């Protein structure tokens, strides 16, 4: 039997901003139901642009986008929001909404403009806040929260939306180690248990290797490699895409790749700008049953 159509598919997409040169060119990618797919690549390579195209925020100049078989640009905003939920890199609040009000906004695709939250909407919002560990922040204004707290509130809003496709642009930005593990564990649970299709941008190559089913490496606006983490995260790929020398080991507990930077980090002139190691040195705690982030002396991070 033929494989079912992916939940999210970009086919030969070219996109850019305000009449400028294309940021991404002829990019094709797909995400199936129940799958976590990562986007990695240097700063400016086009990862966020792809998320914007997939989320109906940036129409492609060429190519097509399909969400559950439909063109999102042919849907109303309310219809599209029932299919795709987005967690941006950061959200600067324009008004001092309370955290619980922000999460309840995730239910807006199901409500009329004149309808307040129903009992089931409040229940969905509270469930999402418990799952993201922000229930105790319910009565605090969003602009009074730390960056990490605010990030988890926005994730709760996306969960309350109950969309079958979830787009995450650097979901671990501002999070401490415990909340990184809990957040990515929750994302994996949404995929495995609820069948949500997840596309996420990752800074940290080791987190991408530990939590993703497949990875797309984006370089200079195109796909440099695609496949399971152990096929994509190789010394040659890291050198070619990020311009750094690295050794790639294997986590004996999970089989996921572990990227360890060389002492000087750079791969030499002409091979790209070096990417400095991130702050996540040391051993990562276990994220839950069956998956474990790698232990390494340096955390390999790769641009936004």
C-alpha atoms as a PDB file:
ATOM      1  CA  UNK A   1       0.000   0.000   0.000  1.00  0.00           C
ATOM      2  CA  UNK A   2       1.248   3.547  -0.694  1.00  0.00           C
ATOM      3  CA  UNK A   3       2.480   5.574   2.264  1.00  0.00           C
ATOM      4  CA  UNK A   4      -0.019   8.136   3.620  1.00  0.00           C
ATOM      5  CA  UNK A   5       0.576  11.760   2.748  1.00  0.00           C
ATOM      6  CA  UNK A   6       2.855  13.510   5.285  1.00  0.00           C
ATOM      7  CA  UNK A   7       1.175  15.771   7.824  1.00  0.00           C
ATOM      8  CA  UNK A   8       3.449  18.616   6.670  1.00  0.00           C
ATOM      9  CA  UNK A   9       5.175  18.834   3.293  1.00  0.00           C
ATOM     10  CA  UNK A  10       7.193  21.584   1.616  1.00  0.00           C
ATOM     11  CA  UNK A  11       7.963  20.877  -2.024  1.00  0.00           C
ATOM     12  CA  UNK A  12      10.631  22.829  -3.954  1.00  0.00           C
ATOM     13  CA  UNK A  13      10.059  25.947  -1.824  1.00  0.00           C
ATOM     14  CA  UNK A  14      11.880  29.187  -2.579  1.00  0.00           C
ATOM     15  CA  UNK A  15      11.194  32.098  -0.212  1.00  0.00           C
ATOM     16  CA  UNK A  16      12.588  35.443   0.931  1.00  0.00           C
ATOM     17  CA  UNK A  17      11.629  38.809   2.356  1.00  0.00           C
ATOM     18  CA  UNK A  18      10.489  42.164   0.916  1.00  0.00           C
ATOM     19  CA  UNK A  19      11.709  41.632  -2.621  1.00  0.00           C
ATOM     20  CA  UNK A  20      15.231  40.757  -1.499  1.00  0.00           C
ATOM     21  CA  UNK A  21      17.198  37.706  -2.624  1.00  0.00           C
ATOM     22  CA  UNK A  22      15.834  34.288  -1.683  1.00  0.00           C
ATOM     23  CA  UNK A  23      16.762  33.036   1.764  1.00  0.00           C
ATOM     24  CA  UNK A  24      15.853  29.430   0.940  1.00  0.00           C
ATOM     25  CA  UNK A  25      15.947  27.903  -2.534  1.00  0.00           C
ATOM     26  CA  UNK A  26      14.241  24.773  -3.821  1.00  0.00           C
ATOM     27  CA  UNK A  27      13.851  23.198  -0.378  1.00  0.00           C
ATOM     28  CA  UNK A  28      11.733  20.076   0.038  1.00  0.00           C
ATOM     29  CA  UNK A  29      11.008  18.498   3.407  1.00  0.00           C
ATOM     30  CA  UNK A  30       8.255  16.532   5.075  1.00  0.00           C
ATOM     31  CA  UNK A  31       7.096  15.499   8.545  1.00  0.00           C
ATOM     32  CA  UNK A  32       4.879  12.499   9.213  1.00  0.00           C
ATOM     33  CA  UNK A  33       2.360  12.091  12.011  1.00  0.00           C
ATOM     34  CA  UNK A  34       4.056  10.974  15.217  1.00  0.00           C
ATOM     35  CA  UNK A  35       7.488  12.136  14.057  1.00  0.00           C
ATOM     36  CA  UNK A  36       9.913  14.696  15.489  1.00  0.00           C
ATOM     37  CA  UNK A  37      12.001  16.274  12.730  1.00  0.00           C
ATOM     38  CA  UNK A  38      14.824  18.711  13.467  1.00  0.00           C
ATOM     39  CA  UNK A  39      16.254  21.592  11.458  1.00  0.00           C
ATOM     40  CA  UNK A  40      19.927  22.364  12.110  1.00  0.00           C
ATOM     41  CA  UNK A  41      22.281  24.782  10.405  1.00  0.00           C
ATOM     42  CA  UNK A  42      24.351  27.948  10.888  1.00  0.00           C
ATOM     43  CA  UNK A  43      22.899  31.370  11.617  1.00  0.00           C
ATOM     44  CA  UNK A  44      21.162  32.794   8.563  1.00  0.00           C
ATOM     45  CA  UNK A  45      20.912  29.473   6.747  1.00  0.00           C
ATOM     46  CA  UNK A  46      17.120  29.674   6.449  1.00  0.00           C
ATOM     47  CA  UNK A  47      15.744  27.537   9.286  1.00  0.00           C
ATOM     48  CA  UNK A  48      13.399  30.173  10.721  1.00  0.00           C
ATOM     49  CA  UNK A  49      12.335  31.133   7.203  1.00  0.00           C
ATOM     50  CA  UNK A  50      11.211  27.541   6.604  1.00  0.00           C
ATOM     51  CA  UNK A  51       9.220  27.588   9.836  1.00  0.00           C
ATOM     52  CA  UNK A  52       7.559  30.833   8.745  1.00  0.00           C
ATOM     53  CA  UNK A  53       6.683  29.359   5.350  1.00  0.00           C
ATOM     54  CA  UNK A  54       5.225  26.245   6.989  1.00  0.00           C
ATOM     55  CA  UNK A  55       3.225  28.324   9.465  1.00  0.00           C
ATOM     56  CA  UNK A  56       1.462  30.458   6.829  1.00  0.00           C
ATOM     57  CA  UNK A  57       3.438  33.541   7.850  1.00  0.00           C
ATOM     58  CA  UNK A  58       5.569  33.850   4.683  1.00  0.00           C
ATOM     59  CA  UNK A  59       4.121  32.782   1.314  1.00  0.00           C
ATOM     60  CA  UNK A  60       6.686  30.977  -0.842  1.00  0.00           C
ATOM     61  CA  UNK A  61       7.768  32.586  -4.097  1.00  0.00           C
ATOM     62  CA  UNK A  62       7.901  29.157  -5.681  1.00  0.00           C
ATOM     63  CA  UNK A  63       6.908  25.683  -4.594  1.00  0.00           C
ATOM     64  CA  UNK A  64       4.030  24.386  -2.495  1.00  0.00           C
ATOM     65  CA  UNK A  65       3.139  23.851   1.154  1.00  0.00           C
ATOM     66  CA  UNK A  66       0.695  21.179   2.324  1.00  0.00           C
ATOM     67  CA  UNK A  67      -0.660  20.701   5.834  1.00  0.00           C
ATOM     68  CA  UNK A  68      -2.713  17.526   6.183  1.00  0.00           C
ATOM     69  CA  UNK A  69      -3.279  17.635   2.438  1.00  0.00           C
ATOM     70  CA  UNK A  70      -4.450  21.265   2.283  1.00  0.00           C
ATOM     71  CA  UNK A  71      -2.754  24.462   1.143  1.00  0.00           C
ATOM     72  CA  UNK A  72      -2.551  26.563   4.344  1.00  0.00           C
ATOM     73  CA  UNK A  73      -2.495  29.743   2.284  1.00  0.00           C
ATOM     74  CA  UNK A  74      -5.928  28.792   0.967  1.00  0.00           C
ATOM     75  CA  UNK A  75      -7.337  28.469   4.491  1.00  0.00           C
ATOM     76  CA  UNK A  76      -8.615  31.196   6.769  1.00  0.00           C
ATOM     77  CA  UNK A  77      -6.430  32.105   9.717  1.00  0.00           C
ATOM     78  CA  UNK A  78      -8.868  30.335  12.052  1.00  0.00           C
ATOM     79  CA  UNK A  79      -8.890  27.176   9.933  1.00  0.00           C
ATOM     80  CA  UNK A  80      -5.092  27.121   9.673  1.00  0.00           C
ATOM     81  CA  UNK A  81      -4.696  27.624  13.432  1.00  0.00           C
ATOM     82  CA  UNK A  82      -6.693  24.455  14.037  1.00  0.00           C
ATOM     83  CA  UNK A  83      -4.073  22.528  12.067  1.00  0.00           C
ATOM     84  CA  UNK A  84      -0.734  24.211  12.873  1.00  0.00           C
ATOM     85  CA  UNK A  85       0.524  25.574  16.214  1.00  0.00           C
ATOM     86  CA  UNK A  86       3.722  27.619  16.413  1.00  0.00           C
ATOM     87  CA  UNK A  87       6.168  28.355  19.230  1.00  0.00           C
ATOM     88  CA  UNK A  88       8.439  31.237  18.097  1.00  0.00           C
ATOM     89  CA  UNK A  89      11.987  31.910  19.291  1.00  0.00           C
ATOM     90  CA  UNK A  90      10.750  34.560  21.686  1.00  0.00           C
ATOM     91  CA  UNK A  91       7.636  36.624  22.219  1.00  0.00           C
ATOM     92  CA  UNK A  92       7.748  40.195  23.458  1.00  0.00           C
ATOM     93  CA  UNK A  93       4.324  40.926  24.981  1.00  0.00           C
ATOM     94  CA  UNK A  94       2.598  44.051  23.676  1.00  0.00           C
ATOM     95  CA  UNK A  95       0.191  44.066  26.629  1.00  0.00           C
ATOM     96  CA  UNK A  96       0.595  42.742  30.198  1.00  0.00           C
ATOM     97  CA  UNK A  97      -1.689  39.737  29.755  1.00  0.00           C
ATOM     98  CA  UNK A  98      -1.675  37.232  32.566  1.00  0.00           C
ATOM     99  CA  UNK A  99      -0.012  33.911  31.804  1.00  0.00           C
ATOM    100  CA  UNK A 100      -3.325  32.031  31.980  1.00  0.00           C
ATOM    101  CA  UNK A 101      -4.899  34.527  29.553  1.00  0.00           C
ATOM    102  CA  UNK A 102      -2.058  33.976  27.102  1.00  0.00           C
ATOM    103  CA  UNK A 103      -2.503  30.206  27.280  1.00  0.00           C
ATOM    104  CA  UNK A 104      -6.275  30.540  26.825  1.00  0.00           C
ATOM    105  CA  UNK A 105      -5.590  32.450  23.580  1.00  0.00           C
ATOM    106  CA  UNK A 106      -4.535  29.093  22.171  1.00  0.00           C
ATOM    107  CA  UNK A 107      -8.234  28.195  22.179  1.00  0.00           C
ATOM    108  CA  UNK A 108      -9.214  31.162  19.984  1.00  0.00           C
ATOM    109  CA  UNK A 109      -9.471  29.070  16.754  1.00  0.00           C
ATOM    110  CA  UNK A 110     -12.441  27.286  18.324  1.00  0.00           C
ATOM    111  CA  UNK A 111     -14.285  30.370  19.634  1.00  0.00           C
ATOM    112  CA  UNK A 112     -16.269  33.155  18.016  1.00  0.00           C
ATOM    113  CA  UNK A 113     -14.941  36.716  18.485  1.00  0.00           C
ATOM    114  CA  UNK A 114     -17.748  37.409  20.956  1.00  0.00           C
ATOM    115  CA  UNK A 115     -17.407  34.211  22.968  1.00  0.00           C
ATOM    116  CA  UNK A 116     -15.374  33.937  26.140  1.00  0.00           C
ATOM    117  CA  UNK A 117     -13.595  30.783  27.160  1.00  0.00           C
ATOM    118  CA  UNK A 118     -15.917  27.845  27.742  1.00  0.00           C
ATOM    119  CA  UNK A 119     -15.380  25.358  30.532  1.00  0.00           C
ATOM    120  CA  UNK A 120     -13.668  22.943  28.139  1.00  0.00           C
ATOM    121  CA  UNK A 121     -11.367  25.724  26.903  1.00  0.00           C
ATOM    122  CA  UNK A 122     -10.278  26.626  30.421  1.00  0.00           C
ATOM    123  CA  UNK A 123      -9.757  22.933  31.133  1.00  0.00           C
ATOM    124  CA  UNK A 124      -7.552  22.556  28.033  1.00  0.00           C
ATOM    125  CA  UNK A 125      -5.551  25.637  29.056  1.00  0.00           C
ATOM    126  CA  UNK A 126      -5.022  24.335  32.587  1.00  0.00           C
ATOM    127  CA  UNK A 127      -3.937  20.910  31.316  1.00  0.00           C
ATOM    128  CA  UNK A 128      -1.397  22.577  29.041  1.00  0.00           C
ATOM    129  CA  UNK A 129      -0.054  24.710  31.890  1.00  0.00           C
ATOM    130  CA  UNK A 130       0.397  21.681  34.114  1.00  0.00           C
ATOM    131  CA  UNK A 131       2.224  19.781  31.346  1.00  0.00           C
ATOM    132  CA  UNK A 132       4.629  22.687  30.820  1.00  0.00           C
ATOM    133  CA  UNK A 133       5.134  23.392  34.532  1.00  0.00           C
ATOM    134  CA  UNK A 134       3.666  26.911  34.498  1.00  0.00           C
ATOM    135  CA  UNK A 135       0.456  26.391  36.483  1.00  0.00           C
ATOM    136  CA  UNK A 136       1.928  28.384  39.374  1.00  0.00           C
ATOM    137  CA  UNK A 137       2.497  31.343  37.012  1.00  0.00           C
ATOM    138  CA  UNK A 138      -1.169  31.639  36.005  1.00  0.00           C
ATOM    139  CA  UNK A 139      -1.844  34.995  37.661  1.00  0.00           C
ATOM    140  CA  UNK A 140       1.459  36.653  36.747  1.00  0.00           C
ATOM    141  CA  UNK A 141       1.744  39.116  33.821  1.00  0.00           C
ATOM    142  CA  UNK A 142       3.720  37.795  30.867  1.00  0.00           C
ATOM    143  CA  UNK A 143       6.053  40.797  30.907  1.00  0.00           C
ATOM    144  CA  UNK A 144       7.031  39.994  34.505  1.00  0.00           C
ATOM    145  CA  UNK A 145       8.265  36.506  33.667  1.00  0.00           C
ATOM    146  CA  UNK A 146      11.802  35.401  32.913  1.00  0.00           C
ATOM    147  CA  UNK A 147      12.679  34.394  29.367  1.00  0.00           C
ATOM    148  CA  UNK A 148      12.462  30.702  30.246  1.00  0.00           C
ATOM    149  CA  UNK A 149       9.134  31.078  32.034  1.00  0.00           C
ATOM    150  CA  UNK A 150       7.729  33.022  29.117  1.00  0.00           C
ATOM    151  CA  UNK A 151       8.934  30.370  26.677  1.00  0.00           C
ATOM    152  CA  UNK A 152       7.093  27.659  28.612  1.00  0.00           C
ATOM    153  CA  UNK A 153       3.913  29.747  28.723  1.00  0.00           C
ATOM    154  CA  UNK A 154       3.999  30.116  24.937  1.00  0.00           C
ATOM    155  CA  UNK A 155       4.540  26.359  24.608  1.00  0.00           C
ATOM    156  CA  UNK A 156       1.494  25.858  26.841  1.00  0.00           C
ATOM    157  CA  UNK A 157      -0.503  28.129  24.528  1.00  0.00           C
ATOM    158  CA  UNK A 158       0.482  25.944  21.571  1.00  0.00           C
ATOM    159  CA  UNK A 159      -0.509  22.778  23.461  1.00  0.00           C
ATOM    160  CA  UNK A 160      -3.885  24.296  24.351  1.00  0.00           C
ATOM    161  CA  UNK A 161      -4.402  24.875  20.620  1.00  0.00           C
ATOM    162  CA  UNK A 162      -4.504  21.071  20.177  1.00  0.00           C
ATOM    163  CA  UNK A 163      -3.279  21.232  16.575  1.00  0.00           C
ATOM    164  CA  UNK A 164      -1.956  18.089  14.856  1.00  0.00           C
ATOM    165  CA  UNK A 165       1.160  19.907  13.593  1.00  0.00           C
ATOM    166  CA  UNK A 166       3.561  21.691  15.949  1.00  0.00           C
ATOM    167  CA  UNK A 167       6.329  24.033  14.769  1.00  0.00           C
ATOM    168  CA  UNK A 168       9.031  24.983  17.270  1.00  0.00           C
ATOM    169  CA  UNK A 169      11.665  27.621  16.548  1.00  0.00           C
ATOM    170  CA  UNK A 170      14.481  26.933  19.017  1.00  0.00           C
ATOM    171  CA  UNK A 171      12.183  25.569  21.739  1.00  0.00           C
ATOM    172  CA  UNK A 172      14.932  25.366  24.375  1.00  0.00           C
ATOM    173  CA  UNK A 173      15.926  29.046  24.184  1.00  0.00           C
ATOM    174  CA  UNK A 174      16.241  30.508  27.718  1.00  0.00           C
ATOM    175  CA  UNK A 175      15.449  27.175  29.392  1.00  0.00           C
ATOM    176  CA  UNK A 176      17.531  25.692  32.189  1.00  0.00           C
ATOM    177  CA  UNK A 177      18.708  22.085  31.985  1.00  0.00           C
ATOM    178  CA  UNK A 178      15.733  20.582  33.828  1.00  0.00           C
ATOM    179  CA  UNK A 179      13.219  22.372  31.657  1.00  0.00           C
ATOM    180  CA  UNK A 180      15.145  21.510  28.485  1.00  0.00           C
ATOM    181  CA  UNK A 181      14.823  17.840  29.337  1.00  0.00           C
ATOM    182  CA  UNK A 182      11.177  18.157  30.390  1.00  0.00           C
ATOM    183  CA  UNK A 183      10.214  20.224  27.347  1.00  0.00           C
ATOM    184  CA  UNK A 184      11.835  17.933  24.805  1.00  0.00           C
ATOM    185  CA  UNK A 185      10.498  14.899  26.631  1.00  0.00           C
ATOM    186  CA  UNK A 186       7.015  16.419  26.366  1.00  0.00           C
ATOM    187  CA  UNK A 187       7.524  17.110  22.655  1.00  0.00           C
ATOM    188  CA  UNK A 188       8.489  13.474  22.116  1.00  0.00           C
ATOM    189  CA  UNK A 189       5.440  12.362  24.100  1.00  0.00           C
ATOM    190  CA  UNK A 190       3.156  14.520  21.950  1.00  0.00           C
ATOM    191  CA  UNK A 191       4.554  12.808  18.859  1.00  0.00           C
ATOM    192  CA  UNK A 192       4.549   9.226  20.145  1.00  0.00           C
ATOM    193  CA  UNK A 193       1.338   9.264  22.189  1.00  0.00           C
ATOM    194  CA  UNK A 194      -0.809  11.834  20.390  1.00  0.00           C
ATOM    195  CA  UNK A 195       0.517  11.467  16.846  1.00  0.00           C
ATOM    196  CA  UNK A 196       1.514  15.137  16.553  1.00  0.00           C
ATOM    197  CA  UNK A 197       3.869  15.974  13.672  1.00  0.00           C
ATOM    198  CA  UNK A 198       6.706  18.115  15.064  1.00  0.00           C
ATOM    199  CA  UNK A 199       9.176  20.281  13.145  1.00  0.00           C
ATOM    200  CA  UNK A 200      11.721  21.969  15.430  1.00  0.00           C
ATOM    201  CA  UNK A 201      14.750  24.213  14.964  1.00  0.00           C
ATOM    202  CA  UNK A 202      17.706  23.192  17.132  1.00  0.00           C
ATOM    203  CA  UNK A 203      20.816  25.106  18.179  1.00  0.00           C
ATOM    204  CA  UNK A 204      22.340  22.165  19.982  1.00  0.00           C
ATOM    205  CA  UNK A 205      23.374  19.310  17.720  1.00  0.00           C
ATOM    206  CA  UNK A 206      23.439  16.828  20.579  1.00  0.00           C
ATOM    207  CA  UNK A 207      19.873  17.625  21.575  1.00  0.00           C
ATOM    208  CA  UNK A 208      18.811  17.228  17.944  1.00  0.00           C
ATOM    209  CA  UNK A 209      20.608  13.900  17.801  1.00  0.00           C
ATOM    210  CA  UNK A 210      19.023  12.668  21.030  1.00  0.00           C
ATOM    211  CA  UNK A 211      15.421  13.727  20.442  1.00  0.00           C
ATOM    212  CA  UNK A 212      14.785  13.771  16.693  1.00  0.00           C
ATOM    213  CA  UNK A 213      13.655  10.901  14.498  1.00  0.00           C
ATOM    214  CA  UNK A 214      15.098  12.643  11.437  1.00  0.00           C
ATOM    215  CA  UNK A 215      17.181  15.757  10.823  1.00  0.00           C
ATOM    216  CA  UNK A 216      17.470  18.204   7.939  1.00  0.00           C
ATOM    217  CA  UNK A 217      20.786  20.086   7.837  1.00  0.00           C
ATOM    218  CA  UNK A 218      20.246  23.465   6.169  1.00  0.00           C
ATOM    219  CA  UNK A 219      23.170  25.328   4.642  1.00  0.00           C
ATOM    220  CA  UNK A 220      23.147  28.479   2.485  1.00  0.00           C
ATOM    221  CA  UNK A 221      19.394  28.198   1.976  1.00  0.00           C
ATOM    222  CA  UNK A 222      19.357  24.583   0.828  1.00  0.00           C
ATOM    223  CA  UNK A 223      19.250  21.067   2.233  1.00  0.00           C
ATOM    224  CA  UNK A 224      22.778  19.807   2.825  1.00  0.00           C
ATOM    225  CA  UNK A 225      21.704  16.444   4.276  1.00  0.00           C
ATOM    226  CA  UNK A 226      18.608  14.620   5.502  1.00  0.00           C
ATOM    227  CA  UNK A 227      18.067  11.408   7.409  1.00  0.00           C
ATOM    228  CA  UNK A 228      18.246   9.786  10.838  1.00  0.00           C
ATOM    229  CA  UNK A 229      20.570  11.560  13.292  1.00  0.00           C
ATOM    230  CA  UNK A 230      23.395   9.011  12.981  1.00  0.00           C
ATOM    231  CA  UNK A 231      23.436   9.497   9.206  1.00  0.00           C
ATOM    232  CA  UNK A 232      23.368  13.309   9.285  1.00  0.00           C
ATOM    233  CA  UNK A 233      25.576  14.123  12.265  1.00  0.00           C
ATOM    234  CA  UNK A 234      28.941  13.040  10.900  1.00  0.00           C
ATOM    235  CA  UNK A 235      32.339  14.742  11.173  1.00  0.00           C
ATOM    236  CA  UNK A 236      32.245  15.523   7.448  1.00  0.00           C
ATOM    237  CA  UNK A 237      28.799  17.142   7.666  1.00  0.00           C
ATOM    238  CA  UNK A 238      29.689  19.184  10.749  1.00  0.00           C
ATOM    239  CA  UNK A 239      32.848  20.408   9.037  1.00  0.00           C
ATOM    240  CA  UNK A 240      31.093  21.188   5.732  1.00  0.00           C
ATOM    241  CA  UNK A 241      28.041  22.939   7.200  1.00  0.00           C
ATOM    242  CA  UNK A 242      29.394  24.589  10.358  1.00  0.00           C
ATOM    243  CA  UNK A 243      33.077  24.962   9.547  1.00  0.00           C
ATOM    244  CA  UNK A 244      34.262  23.186  12.681  1.00  0.00           C
ATOM    245  CA  UNK A 245      36.186  20.001  13.377  1.00  0.00           C
ATOM    246  CA  UNK A 246      34.383  17.523  15.585  1.00  0.00           C
ATOM    247  CA  UNK A 247      34.431  13.909  16.627  1.00  0.00           C
ATOM    248  CA  UNK A 248      31.113  12.045  16.570  1.00  0.00           C
ATOM    249  CA  UNK A 249      30.721   9.301  19.166  1.00  0.00           C
ATOM    250  CA  UNK A 250      27.771   7.082  20.016  1.00  0.00           C
ATOM    251  CA  UNK A 251      25.784   7.224  23.235  1.00  0.00           C
ATOM    252  CA  UNK A 252      25.965   3.597  24.453  1.00  0.00           C
ATOM    253  CA  UNK A 253      22.563   3.867  26.181  1.00  0.00           C
ATOM    254  CA  UNK A 254      20.516   5.156  23.249  1.00  0.00           C
ATOM    255  CA  UNK A 255      22.651   4.831  20.122  1.00  0.00           C
ATOM    256  CA  UNK A 256      22.242   8.551  19.423  1.00  0.00           C
ATOM    257  CA  UNK A 257      25.232  10.477  18.050  1.00  0.00           C
ATOM    258  CA  UNK A 258      27.345  12.634  20.353  1.00  0.00           C
ATOM    259  CA  UNK A 259      29.167  15.560  18.739  1.00  0.00           C
ATOM    260  CA  UNK A 260      32.368  16.534  20.551  1.00  0.00           C
ATOM    261  CA  UNK A 261      34.234  19.599  19.301  1.00  0.00           C
ATOM    262  CA  UNK A 262      37.963  19.519  18.665  1.00  0.00           C
ATOM    263  CA  UNK A 263      40.139  21.596  21.039  1.00  0.00           C
ATOM    264  CA  UNK A 264      40.442  24.577  18.676  1.00  0.00           C
ATOM    265  CA  UNK A 265      36.953  24.156  17.181  1.00  0.00           C
ATOM    266  CA  UNK A 266      37.670  25.608  13.739  1.00  0.00           C
ATOM    267  CA  UNK A 267      38.192  23.682  10.541  1.00  0.00           C
ATOM    268  CA  UNK A 268      40.569  26.180   9.019  1.00  0.00           C
ATOM    269  CA  UNK A 269      40.286  29.034   6.478  1.00  0.00           C
ATOM    270  CA  UNK A 270      37.640  28.758   3.791  1.00  0.00           C
ATOM    271  CA  UNK A 271      35.585  26.117   5.549  1.00  0.00           C
ATOM    272  CA  UNK A 272      33.024  28.396   7.166  1.00  0.00           C
ATOM    273  CA  UNK A 273      32.841  30.471  10.301  1.00  0.00           C
ATOM    274  CA  UNK A 274      33.497  28.605  13.553  1.00  0.00           C
ATOM    275  CA  UNK A 275      30.633  28.062  15.945  1.00  0.00           C
ATOM    276  CA  UNK A 276      31.622  28.456  19.605  1.00  0.00           C
ATOM    277  CA  UNK A 277      30.647  25.739  22.036  1.00  0.00           C
ATOM    278  CA  UNK A 278      27.484  26.349  24.008  1.00  0.00           C
ATOM    279  CA  UNK A 279      27.137  26.464  27.771  1.00  0.00           C
ATOM    280  CA  UNK A 280      25.747  22.959  28.188  1.00  0.00           C
ATOM    281  CA  UNK A 281      28.946  21.210  29.211  1.00  0.00           C
ATOM    282  CA  UNK A 282      28.776  18.128  31.374  1.00  0.00           C
ATOM    283  CA  UNK A 283      26.477  15.145  31.501  1.00  0.00           C
ATOM    284  CA  UNK A 284      22.847  15.568  30.573  1.00  0.00           C
ATOM    285  CA  UNK A 285      20.159  14.092  32.851  1.00  0.00           C
ATOM    286  CA  UNK A 286      17.919  11.424  31.393  1.00  0.00           C
ATOM    287  CA  UNK A 287      14.827  12.840  29.594  1.00  0.00           C
ATOM    288  CA  UNK A 288      12.563   9.907  30.341  1.00  0.00           C
ATOM    289  CA  UNK A 289      12.124   6.283  29.382  1.00  0.00           C
ATOM    290  CA  UNK A 290      14.038   5.143  26.342  1.00  0.00           C
ATOM    291  CA  UNK A 291      15.832   8.377  25.480  1.00  0.00           C
ATOM    292  CA  UNK A 292      18.888  10.003  26.943  1.00  0.00           C
ATOM    293  CA  UNK A 293      20.772  13.117  25.849  1.00  0.00           C
ATOM    294  CA  UNK A 294      24.451  12.506  25.273  1.00  0.00           C
ATOM    295  CA  UNK A 295      27.256  13.109  27.670  1.00  0.00           C
ATOM    296  CA  UNK A 296      30.040  15.225  26.240  1.00  0.00           C
ATOM    297  CA  UNK A 297      32.721  17.572  27.377  1.00  0.00           C
ATOM    298  CA  UNK A 298      31.305  20.317  25.158  1.00  0.00           C
ATOM    299  CA  UNK A 299      27.838  20.894  23.838  1.00  0.00           C
ATOM    300  CA  UNK A 300      27.910  21.233  20.067  1.00  0.00           C
ATOM    301  CA  UNK A 301      25.754  24.172  19.086  1.00  0.00           C
ATOM    302  CA  UNK A 302      25.045  25.223  15.555  1.00  0.00           C
ATOM    303  CA  UNK A 303      23.544  28.634  14.926  1.00  0.00           C
ATOM    304  CA  UNK A 304      19.967  29.864  14.774  1.00  0.00           C
END
